[in-house]
Amino acid sequence: MPEQFKQSTYRGMVVVIDDEEDMCKILTKILNMEGYHVTSFTNPSLALDYIAKYQPDVVLTDIRMPERSGMDVLKAVKEQFPHMAVIIMTAYASIEGAIQAMKEGAFHYVTKPFHTEELIANIEKAIEVQEITRETVIFAEQIRRAHADVQLIGESLVMKEIKQLLEKIAPTDSSVLINGESGTGKEMAAKFIHKASFRCNGRFVPIDCACIPENLLESELFGYERGAFTGASQMKLGLIELAHGGTLFLDEIGEMPLQLQAKLLRVLQDHKIQRIGGLKQIHVDIRLLAATNRDLNSDIEEGRFRPDLFYRLNVLNIRMPALRERPDDIPLLVSFFIARLGPRLHKPNVGITPAAMELLNRYYWPGNVRELENVIERILVLLDGEMIELEDVPADIRNGVAPRVGLPPAAPQKAIPVDYKEARVQFETDYLRELLERTGGSVSEAARISGVSRRNLYEKLEKLGIRPEEFKKGE
């Protein structure tokens, strides 16, 4: 916006286009008196250049002009700025043309000679609609981005079933309890439900019950009135109240104290809350989603969780699978995290070798998807080139490959040697024999997988009396 428009009386920016200079002066004076910043033109082409540069709130143009008509101006403006308001000025004889302009996207038309009140009312309305349209576009973009952020990556059978279940329960307003180990994506599932529900335009309010001290959790959930306790210098809205019209997500609900469990149950029953220190009952309309990595049935038996609250929460139940239960999704997740994290870390074109991917695919992932994401970020931060090699994978991952659920049980372990050196020799012998078995006797491939140089590997094999040719297929 030009510097001369930055004033405290600014109500909107208007461009006037009319081939009669006197009309431009009159309109400029009228609109300036009303607090609008006006720039007028008798040349439509110059006006369009100005509009393209400064993007005013309203364009007020005559419909009949010798160089370019108001219809030409309207089409040019709408082509570049579809949401910009254009008001047509017309004489009584050309009302049909003004109506045609309305069909082409004009906001309104005024007839000459016009009433000042009518003109001002139309400009005020145009700016109001313009603002609402702008907010709607921004909000729609925010919703689109929010939907884009909610991605449950996975094409395995178990993940397809999870997505189908989430899509089925999202349109309902029932409570949902999401179970699963830490890092399996329980909050992502909750966001998916919220974004696919009729509450998607409301807030999604998450709170981790395990991260907030017990003495603060109640005030975070229910809020408090001014003076409710020492330090309460002003009223504070609680998260339940903030979630009104939307979704409240209580993560790790098994960590919630019994006293608060009773209050939460009352909220679910009565749909009302009372701030700490307050006397008024406040109506709340929320959908409650909860998650836990604990066995709530055991907690109920041991008196740590209320059974009546459990039944309220467990109307619908979802179990998020551990990453080791869906190994087919690991390559997809690795590619997704590289694509998402790479640009932020200024490494947008990173690839990964098959050997490194295979190692990640075989790891046990006790921390699940969250651990995988953190490992990929660590690799990218330290990566020097544009290809993730085997040696770029952290040592704790390279050395921590473990069997997954569902694989055949390992062979019985040998007796542990008493002598440390003997145990080390036994480990190296078993490890290298297994490695050569997998690579079909290829020392080069074994060196690449193990991260040991070919020279050192040959020396170790010779020292241990292991002959690679014994492992070649067909021999």
Protein backbone atom coordinates (compact mmCIF):
# COMPACT_ATOMS: atom_id res chain seq x y z
CA MET A 1 0.00 0.00 0.00
CA PRO A 2 1.37 3.49 -0.86
CA GLU A 3 2.70 5.43 2.13
CA GLN A 4 0.09 8.19 1.78
CA PHE A 5 -2.66 5.64 2.53
CA LYS A 6 -1.26 4.61 5.91
CA GLN A 7 -3.41 6.82 8.09
CA SER A 8 -5.52 6.19 11.18
CA THR A 9 -8.73 7.13 9.32
CA TYR A 10 -8.24 4.48 6.67
CA ARG A 11 -11.53 2.70 5.90
CA GLY A 12 -10.62 1.17 2.60
CA MET A 13 -8.90 1.82 -0.69
CA VAL A 14 -11.02 2.76 -3.71
CA VAL A 15 -10.02 3.31 -7.33
CA VAL A 16 -12.37 5.47 -9.41
CA ILE A 17 -12.37 5.22 -13.22
CA ASP A 18 -14.38 7.69 -15.30
CA ASP A 19 -13.54 9.48 -18.54
CA GLU A 20 -15.07 12.69 -17.14
CA GLU A 21 -12.50 14.44 -14.98
CA ASP A 22 -15.17 16.42 -13.08
CA MET A 23 -16.89 13.18 -12.04
CA CYS A 24 -13.53 11.83 -10.78
CA LYS A 25 -13.03 14.97 -8.68
CA ILE A 26 -16.54 14.81 -7.22
CA LEU A 27 -16.27 11.14 -6.28
CA THR A 28 -12.80 11.63 -4.81
CA LYS A 29 -14.06 14.45 -2.60
CA ILE A 30 -17.14 12.53 -1.44
CA LEU A 31 -15.25 9.35 -0.62
CA ASN A 32 -12.37 11.17 1.06
CA MET A 33 -14.87 12.86 3.38
CA GLU A 34 -16.13 9.38 4.33
CA GLY A 35 -12.62 8.23 5.25
CA TYR A 36 -11.76 6.27 2.09
CA HIS A 37 -8.46 6.69 0.28
CA VAL A 38 -9.26 7.35 -3.34
CA THR A 39 -7.19 7.40 -6.50
CA SER A 40 -8.99 8.37 -9.69
CA PHE A 41 -8.20 7.83 -13.36
CA THR A 42 -9.67 9.01 -16.65
CA ASN A 43 -7.51 6.47 -18.47
CA PRO A 44 -8.64 2.84 -17.83
CA SER A 45 -5.29 1.35 -18.92
CA LEU A 46 -3.38 3.42 -16.35
CA ALA A 47 -5.98 2.47 -13.78
CA LEU A 48 -5.48 -1.25 -14.45
CA ASP A 49 -1.71 -0.87 -14.01
CA TYR A 50 -2.33 0.81 -10.66
CA ILE A 51 -4.84 -1.86 -9.59
CA ALA A 52 -2.35 -4.62 -10.42
CA LYS A 53 0.28 -2.93 -8.25
CA TYR A 54 -1.75 -1.86 -5.20
CA GLN A 55 -4.80 -4.19 -5.23
CA PRO A 56 -7.49 -1.83 -3.87
CA ASP A 57 -10.55 -2.98 -1.96
CA VAL A 58 -13.07 -1.61 -4.45
CA VAL A 59 -12.97 -0.50 -8.09
CA LEU A 60 -15.68 2.03 -9.05
CA THR A 61 -15.85 2.32 -12.83
CA ASP A 62 -18.08 3.96 -15.41
CA ILE A 63 -19.48 1.48 -17.91
CA ARG A 64 -19.22 3.69 -21.03
CA MET A 65 -15.77 5.10 -21.79
CA PRO A 66 -14.18 5.79 -25.18
CA GLU A 67 -10.85 3.96 -24.73
CA ARG A 68 -11.95 0.87 -22.82
CA SER A 69 -15.41 0.14 -21.46
CA GLY A 70 -16.26 -0.64 -17.88
CA MET A 71 -16.97 -4.20 -19.01
CA ASP A 72 -13.36 -4.44 -20.27
CA VAL A 73 -12.12 -3.18 -16.90
CA LEU A 74 -14.34 -5.68 -15.07
CA LYS A 75 -13.03 -8.63 -17.11
CA ALA A 76 -9.40 -7.55 -16.68
CA VAL A 77 -9.78 -7.12 -12.91
CA LYS A 78 -11.64 -10.39 -12.39
CA GLU A 79 -9.13 -12.31 -14.46
CA GLN A 80 -6.29 -11.19 -12.18
CA PHE A 81 -8.14 -10.74 -8.87
CA PRO A 82 -11.31 -12.89 -8.80
CA HIS A 83 -12.38 -11.70 -5.34
CA MET A 84 -11.90 -7.94 -5.90
CA ALA A 85 -15.14 -5.94 -5.75
CA VAL A 86 -16.05 -3.96 -8.89
CA ILE A 87 -19.00 -1.52 -8.81
CA ILE A 88 -20.35 -0.29 -12.14
CA MET A 89 -21.61 3.29 -12.65
CA THR A 90 -24.18 3.63 -15.40
CA ALA A 91 -26.75 6.03 -16.81
CA TYR A 92 -30.40 5.01 -16.88
CA ALA A 93 -30.14 4.26 -20.59
CA SER A 94 -27.48 1.59 -20.07
CA ILE A 95 -28.97 -0.41 -17.16
CA GLU A 96 -29.10 -3.52 -19.35
CA GLY A 97 -25.33 -3.31 -19.72
CA ALA A 98 -24.94 -2.98 -15.95
CA ILE A 99 -27.08 -6.07 -15.40
CA GLN A 100 -24.89 -7.93 -17.86
CA ALA A 101 -21.86 -6.75 -15.88
CA MET A 102 -23.44 -8.21 -12.73
CA LYS A 103 -23.65 -11.56 -14.50
CA GLU A 104 -19.95 -11.23 -15.34
CA GLY A 105 -19.04 -10.79 -11.71
CA ALA A 106 -19.59 -7.12 -10.84
CA PHE A 107 -20.49 -6.59 -7.19
CA HIS A 108 -23.24 -4.04 -7.87
CA TYR A 109 -24.14 -1.04 -10.00
CA VAL A 110 -25.25 2.54 -9.26
CA THR A 111 -27.11 4.80 -11.65
CA LYS A 112 -26.18 8.34 -12.54
CA PRO A 113 -27.10 10.70 -11.08
CA PHE A 114 -26.63 8.65 -7.90
CA HIS A 115 -27.50 9.26 -4.27
CA THR A 116 -24.42 9.64 -2.08
CA GLU A 117 -25.94 7.42 0.65
CA GLU A 118 -26.57 4.64 -1.87
CA LEU A 119 -23.03 4.85 -3.21
CA ILE A 120 -21.45 4.78 0.25
CA ALA A 121 -23.68 1.88 1.32
CA ASN A 122 -22.64 -0.14 -1.72
CA ILE A 123 -18.93 0.51 -1.12
CA GLU A 124 -19.25 -0.38 2.59
CA LYS A 125 -21.07 -3.59 1.69
CA ALA A 126 -18.48 -4.43 -0.97
CA ILE A 127 -15.62 -4.04 1.51
CA GLU A 128 -17.49 -6.09 4.12
CA VAL A 129 -18.12 -8.91 1.65
CA GLN A 130 -14.52 -8.63 0.45
CA GLU A 131 -13.28 -9.11 4.01
CA ILE A 132 -15.58 -12.09 4.62
CA THR A 133 -14.46 -13.65 1.33
CA ARG A 134 -10.81 -13.09 2.21
CA GLU A 135 -11.29 -14.70 5.64
CA THR A 136 -13.16 -17.61 4.06
CA VAL A 137 -10.35 -18.20 1.57
CA ILE A 138 -7.75 -18.05 4.34
CA PHE A 139 -9.79 -20.39 6.53
CA ALA A 140 -10.30 -22.83 3.67
CA GLU A 141 -6.55 -22.84 3.08
CA GLN A 142 -5.94 -23.48 6.78
CA ILE A 143 -8.37 -26.40 6.68
CA ARG A 144 -6.67 -27.72 3.55
CA ARG A 145 -3.26 -27.53 5.21
CA ALA A 146 -4.62 -29.11 8.36
CA HIS A 147 -5.98 -32.00 6.31
CA ALA A 148 -2.65 -32.26 4.51
CA ASP A 149 -0.84 -32.50 7.83
CA VAL A 150 -3.04 -35.35 9.01
CA GLN A 151 -1.46 -38.22 7.14
CA LEU A 152 -1.63 -41.80 8.29
CA ILE A 153 1.14 -43.26 6.17
CA GLY A 154 0.82 -46.93 5.38
CA GLU A 155 -0.54 -49.34 2.80
CA SER A 156 -0.24 -52.52 4.83
CA LEU A 157 -3.40 -54.52 5.44
CA VAL A 158 -3.60 -53.48 9.10
CA MET A 159 -3.27 -49.77 8.25
CA LYS A 160 -5.89 -50.00 5.52
CA GLU A 161 -8.26 -51.51 8.07
CA ILE A 162 -7.43 -48.73 10.57
CA LYS A 163 -8.15 -46.00 7.98
CA GLN A 164 -11.46 -47.61 7.02
CA LEU A 165 -12.46 -47.78 10.67
CA LEU A 166 -11.49 -44.14 11.31
CA GLU A 167 -13.46 -42.98 8.28
CA LYS A 168 -16.50 -44.91 9.49
CA ILE A 169 -16.51 -43.55 13.06
CA ALA A 170 -15.45 -39.96 12.26
CA PRO A 171 -18.94 -38.67 11.28
CA THR A 172 -20.39 -39.86 14.59
CA ASP A 173 -20.14 -37.92 17.85
CA SER A 174 -19.28 -40.91 20.04
CA SER A 175 -16.31 -41.01 22.38
CA VAL A 176 -13.30 -42.96 21.15
CA LEU A 177 -10.53 -44.67 23.14
CA ILE A 178 -7.32 -45.15 21.15
CA ASN A 179 -4.88 -47.76 22.46
CA GLY A 180 -1.32 -48.43 21.41
CA GLU A 181 2.32 -48.20 22.36
CA SER A 182 4.05 -44.83 22.56
CA GLY A 183 4.93 -43.46 19.15
CA THR A 184 2.38 -45.44 17.15
CA GLY A 185 0.44 -42.34 16.03
CA LYS A 186 -2.47 -42.19 18.48
CA GLU A 187 -2.70 -38.39 18.29
CA MET A 188 -2.50 -38.53 14.49
CA ALA A 189 -5.47 -40.92 14.51
CA ALA A 190 -7.37 -38.50 16.77
CA LYS A 191 -6.64 -35.60 14.39
CA PHE A 192 -7.79 -37.74 11.48
CA ILE A 193 -11.11 -38.34 13.25
CA HIS A 194 -11.53 -34.64 14.01
CA LYS A 195 -10.75 -33.47 10.47
CA ALA A 196 -13.15 -36.00 8.95
CA SER A 197 -15.99 -35.09 11.36
CA PHE A 198 -18.64 -32.38 11.24
CA ARG A 199 -16.61 -30.63 13.97
CA CYS A 200 -13.69 -30.03 11.60
CA ASN A 201 -14.29 -26.27 11.64
CA GLY A 202 -14.01 -26.25 15.43
CA ARG A 203 -10.86 -26.50 17.51
CA PHE A 204 -8.85 -29.66 18.05
CA VAL A 205 -7.53 -29.23 21.60
CA PRO A 206 -4.93 -31.80 22.71
CA ILE A 207 -3.60 -32.21 26.24
CA ASP A 208 -1.07 -34.74 27.52
CA CYS A 209 -2.20 -35.80 30.98
CA ALA A 210 1.22 -37.31 31.72
CA CYS A 211 3.14 -34.08 31.06
CA ILE A 212 1.18 -31.75 33.36
CA PRO A 213 1.69 -31.94 37.15
CA GLU A 214 -1.31 -33.28 39.02
CA ASN A 215 -1.90 -30.02 40.90
CA LEU A 216 -2.06 -28.04 37.61
CA LEU A 217 -4.05 -30.45 35.47
CA GLU A 218 -7.43 -29.44 36.92
CA SER A 219 -6.90 -25.73 36.24
CA GLU A 220 -5.68 -26.52 32.72
CA LEU A 221 -8.81 -28.55 32.00
CA PHE A 222 -11.47 -26.48 33.78
CA GLY A 223 -9.92 -23.00 33.97
CA TYR A 224 -10.37 -20.68 36.94
CA GLU A 225 -11.89 -17.37 37.98
CA ARG A 226 -9.91 -14.35 39.05
CA GLY A 227 -8.92 -14.64 42.70
CA ALA A 228 -9.68 -18.38 42.84
CA PHE A 229 -6.25 -18.96 44.42
CA THR A 230 -3.01 -17.13 45.06
CA GLY A 231 -1.60 -15.97 41.75
CA ALA A 232 -4.92 -16.10 39.87
CA SER A 233 -4.78 -12.44 38.87
CA GLN A 234 -7.18 -12.89 35.95
CA MET A 235 -9.75 -15.33 34.67
CA LYS A 236 -8.43 -18.25 32.59
CA LEU A 237 -10.43 -20.41 30.20
CA GLY A 238 -9.86 -24.14 30.55
CA LEU A 239 -9.08 -26.45 27.64
CA ILE A 240 -12.50 -28.12 27.87
CA GLU A 241 -14.16 -24.74 27.39
CA LEU A 242 -11.79 -23.85 24.55
CA ALA A 243 -12.78 -27.08 22.79
CA HIS A 244 -16.47 -26.04 22.74
CA GLY A 245 -17.85 -26.89 19.31
CA GLY A 246 -14.78 -29.00 18.52
CA THR A 247 -12.80 -31.98 19.79
CA LEU A 248 -10.92 -32.50 23.06
CA PHE A 249 -8.11 -35.06 22.90
CA LEU A 250 -6.82 -36.40 26.22
CA ASP A 251 -3.55 -38.23 25.63
CA GLU A 252 -2.33 -40.71 28.24
CA ILE A 253 -5.64 -40.52 30.08
CA GLY A 254 -4.53 -43.41 32.29
CA GLU A 255 -2.29 -40.91 34.11
CA MET A 256 -5.26 -38.74 35.18
CA PRO A 257 -5.84 -38.68 38.99
CA LEU A 258 -9.02 -40.37 40.25
CA GLN A 259 -10.44 -37.07 41.55
CA LEU A 260 -10.24 -35.52 38.08
CA GLN A 261 -11.64 -38.67 36.51
CA ALA A 262 -14.84 -38.11 38.50
CA LYS A 263 -15.09 -34.49 37.31
CA LEU A 264 -14.47 -35.50 33.71
CA LEU A 265 -17.21 -38.12 33.97
CA ARG A 266 -19.61 -35.42 35.16
CA VAL A 267 -18.72 -33.27 32.14
CA LEU A 268 -19.49 -36.16 29.79
CA GLN A 269 -22.81 -36.77 31.52
CA ASP A 270 -24.06 -33.18 31.98
CA HIS A 271 -22.15 -31.30 29.24
CA LYS A 272 -21.36 -28.59 31.78
CA ILE A 273 -18.24 -27.37 33.55
CA GLN A 274 -17.53 -25.06 36.44
CA ARG A 275 -14.32 -23.07 36.56
CA ILE A 276 -12.24 -23.30 39.74
CA GLY A 277 -13.52 -20.61 42.09
CA GLY A 278 -16.62 -20.04 39.96
CA LEU A 279 -20.30 -20.52 40.76
CA LYS A 280 -21.76 -20.58 37.25
CA GLN A 281 -22.33 -23.77 35.25
CA ILE A 282 -21.05 -23.34 31.68
CA HIS A 283 -22.49 -25.45 28.85
CA VAL A 284 -19.89 -27.17 26.67
CA ASP A 285 -20.38 -29.09 23.45
CA ILE A 286 -17.35 -31.30 22.85
CA ARG A 287 -16.44 -34.64 21.40
CA LEU A 288 -13.95 -36.50 23.59
CA LEU A 289 -11.17 -38.61 22.17
CA ALA A 290 -8.76 -40.29 24.58
CA ALA A 291 -5.60 -42.33 24.20
CA THR A 292 -3.49 -44.54 26.41
CA ASN A 293 -0.57 -46.94 26.23
CA ARG A 294 -1.65 -48.61 29.47
CA ASP A 295 -3.93 -51.57 30.13
CA LEU A 296 -6.90 -49.73 31.64
CA ASN A 297 -8.61 -52.99 32.56
CA SER A 298 -5.69 -53.78 34.86
CA ASP A 299 -5.81 -50.23 36.22
CA ILE A 300 -9.51 -50.70 36.98
CA GLU A 301 -8.81 -53.94 38.87
CA GLU A 302 -6.11 -52.19 40.88
CA GLY A 303 -8.32 -49.17 41.63
CA ARG A 304 -6.35 -46.65 39.55
CA PHE A 305 -9.06 -45.99 36.96
CA ARG A 306 -12.81 -45.54 37.30
CA PRO A 307 -14.81 -48.25 35.51
CA ASP A 308 -17.73 -45.88 34.82
CA LEU A 309 -15.39 -43.43 33.04
CA PHE A 310 -13.84 -46.31 31.10
CA TYR A 311 -17.27 -47.35 29.81
CA ARG A 312 -18.01 -43.76 28.79
CA LEU A 313 -14.72 -43.50 26.89
CA ASN A 314 -14.71 -46.97 25.40
CA VAL A 315 -17.80 -46.53 23.23
CA LEU A 316 -15.53 -47.00 20.22
CA ASN A 317 -12.11 -48.58 20.52
CA ILE A 318 -9.14 -48.42 18.17
CA ARG A 319 -5.79 -50.11 18.58
CA MET A 320 -2.88 -48.52 16.71
CA PRO A 321 -0.44 -51.24 15.66
CA ALA A 322 3.25 -51.14 16.57
CA LEU A 323 5.59 -50.43 13.67
CA ARG A 324 7.13 -53.92 13.93
CA GLU A 325 3.63 -55.30 13.19
CA ARG A 326 3.54 -53.53 9.83
CA PRO A 327 7.07 -53.75 8.40
CA ASP A 328 5.80 -53.25 4.84
CA ASP A 329 5.09 -49.61 5.77
CA ILE A 330 8.64 -48.81 6.89
CA PRO A 331 9.98 -47.91 3.39
CA LEU A 332 6.94 -45.66 2.83
CA LEU A 333 7.50 -43.92 6.16
CA VAL A 334 11.23 -43.49 5.50
CA SER A 335 10.52 -41.88 2.11
CA PHE A 336 7.82 -39.69 3.64
CA PHE A 337 10.06 -38.40 6.44
CA ILE A 338 12.95 -37.75 4.04
CA ALA A 339 10.63 -35.76 1.75
CA ARG A 340 9.11 -33.81 4.64
CA LEU A 341 12.22 -33.12 6.70
CA GLY A 342 14.72 -32.69 3.86
CA PRO A 343 13.63 -29.22 2.65
CA ARG A 344 13.49 -27.87 6.22
CA LEU A 345 17.05 -29.09 6.81
CA HIS A 346 18.19 -27.69 3.43
CA LYS A 347 18.63 -31.19 1.98
CA PRO A 348 15.73 -31.50 -0.49
CA ASN A 349 17.11 -34.19 -2.83
CA VAL A 350 18.24 -36.96 -0.50
CA GLY A 351 17.98 -40.62 -1.47
CA ILE A 352 18.74 -43.85 0.39
CA THR A 353 20.64 -46.96 -0.67
CA PRO A 354 18.93 -50.37 -0.65
CA ALA A 355 21.35 -51.61 2.02
CA ALA A 356 20.53 -48.72 4.37
CA MET A 357 16.81 -49.17 3.75
CA GLU A 358 17.09 -52.90 4.43
CA LEU A 359 18.81 -52.20 7.76
CA LEU A 360 16.06 -49.76 8.79
CA ASN A 361 13.47 -52.27 7.67
CA ARG A 362 14.93 -55.02 9.89
CA TYR A 363 15.22 -52.93 13.05
CA TYR A 364 12.77 -53.65 15.89
CA TRP A 365 11.70 -49.97 16.42
CA PRO A 366 10.67 -50.08 20.09
CA GLY A 367 9.81 -46.36 19.82
CA ASN A 368 7.67 -47.00 16.74
CA VAL A 369 6.94 -44.30 14.13
CA ARG A 370 8.16 -41.49 16.41
CA GLU A 371 11.53 -43.18 16.82
CA LEU A 372 11.81 -43.72 13.06
CA GLU A 373 11.10 -40.04 12.40
CA ASN A 374 13.72 -38.96 14.95
CA VAL A 375 16.31 -41.32 13.43
CA ILE A 376 15.67 -39.98 9.91
CA GLU A 377 16.03 -36.41 11.19
CA ARG A 378 19.31 -37.31 12.94
CA ILE A 379 20.62 -38.91 9.73
CA LEU A 380 19.69 -35.88 7.61
CA VAL A 381 21.25 -33.40 10.04
CA LEU A 382 24.60 -35.24 9.94
CA LEU A 383 24.47 -36.28 6.27
CA ASP A 384 27.24 -34.84 4.07
CA GLY A 385 26.12 -36.05 0.65
CA GLU A 386 22.78 -36.65 -1.05
CA MET A 387 22.56 -40.40 -0.44
CA ILE A 388 21.99 -42.15 2.87
CA GLU A 389 24.54 -44.97 3.02
CA LEU A 390 24.79 -47.84 5.45
CA GLU A 391 27.39 -46.02 7.54
CA ASP A 392 25.05 -43.01 7.90
CA VAL A 393 22.61 -45.10 9.91
CA PRO A 394 23.28 -44.54 13.65
CA ALA A 395 25.41 -47.20 15.32
CA ASP A 396 22.70 -48.06 17.85
CA ILE A 397 20.40 -48.96 14.93
CA ARG A 398 23.12 -50.91 13.08
CA ASN A 399 23.96 -52.86 16.22
CA GLY A 400 20.42 -53.21 17.48
CA VAL A 401 18.69 -55.19 14.74
CA ALA A 402 16.20 -57.45 16.48
CA PRO A 403 13.64 -60.02 15.31
CA ARG A 404 10.10 -58.79 14.67
CA VAL A 405 6.83 -60.13 15.92
CA GLY A 406 5.62 -62.88 13.64
CA LEU A 407 9.06 -64.15 12.55
CA PRO A 408 10.00 -67.75 13.33
CA PRO A 409 11.63 -68.18 16.74
CA ALA A 410 15.39 -68.05 16.78
CA ALA A 411 17.43 -71.21 17.20
CA PRO A 412 18.34 -72.12 20.79
CA GLN A 413 21.30 -70.06 21.99
CA LYS A 414 24.63 -71.69 22.70
CA ALA A 415 26.01 -71.81 26.18
CA ILE A 416 27.77 -68.54 27.09
CA PRO A 417 31.54 -69.05 27.30
CA VAL A 418 33.12 -68.08 30.57
CA ASP A 419 36.11 -66.41 28.91
CA TYR A 420 35.38 -63.01 27.28
CA LYS A 421 37.85 -63.51 24.42
CA GLU A 422 36.31 -66.88 23.64
CA ALA A 423 32.82 -65.29 23.63
CA ARG A 424 34.00 -62.58 21.25
CA VAL A 425 35.46 -65.11 18.83
CA GLN A 426 32.23 -67.12 18.98
CA PHE A 427 30.15 -64.01 18.26
CA GLU A 428 32.31 -62.92 15.32
CA THR A 429 32.30 -66.43 13.88
CA ASP A 430 28.50 -66.76 14.10
CA TYR A 431 27.96 -63.22 12.82
CA LEU A 432 30.25 -63.56 9.79
CA ARG A 433 28.92 -66.99 8.86
CA GLU A 434 25.34 -65.67 8.99
CA LEU A 435 26.39 -62.64 6.93
CA LEU A 436 28.00 -64.77 4.23
CA GLU A 437 24.98 -67.07 4.25
CA ARG A 438 22.74 -64.08 3.49
CA THR A 439 25.03 -62.68 0.77
CA GLY A 440 25.67 -66.02 -0.92
CA GLY A 441 29.38 -65.82 -0.13
CA SER A 442 29.83 -62.30 -1.56
CA VAL A 443 32.51 -60.60 0.55
CA SER A 444 31.87 -57.24 -1.14
CA GLU A 445 28.18 -57.33 -0.23
CA ALA A 446 29.00 -58.53 3.29
CA ALA A 447 31.44 -55.65 3.71
CA ARG A 448 28.80 -53.17 2.54
CA ILE A 449 26.14 -54.47 4.91
CA SER A 450 28.42 -54.76 7.93
CA GLY A 451 30.24 -51.47 7.40
CA VAL A 452 33.62 -53.26 7.62
CA SER A 453 36.12 -52.68 4.83
CA ARG A 454 36.77 -55.59 2.45
CA ARG A 455 40.40 -55.78 3.52
CA ASN A 456 39.55 -56.04 7.23
CA LEU A 457 36.77 -58.49 6.47
CA TYR A 458 39.11 -60.79 4.50
CA GLU A 459 41.59 -60.67 7.39
CA LYS A 460 38.91 -61.62 9.92
CA LEU A 461 37.64 -64.47 7.73
CA GLU A 462 41.14 -65.84 7.28
CA LYS A 463 41.87 -65.54 11.01
CA LEU A 464 38.67 -67.41 11.92
CA GLY A 465 39.13 -70.03 9.19
CA ILE A 466 35.94 -69.13 7.34
CA ARG A 467 36.00 -69.74 3.56
CA PRO A 468 33.53 -67.51 1.60
CA GLU A 469 33.35 -69.95 -1.29
CA GLU A 470 31.62 -72.47 0.98
CA PHE A 471 28.58 -70.16 1.06
CA LYS A 472 28.22 -69.61 -2.67
CA LYS A 473 24.89 -70.87 -3.92
CA GLY A 474 25.04 -74.19 -5.75
CA GLU A 475 28.30 -75.21 -4.07
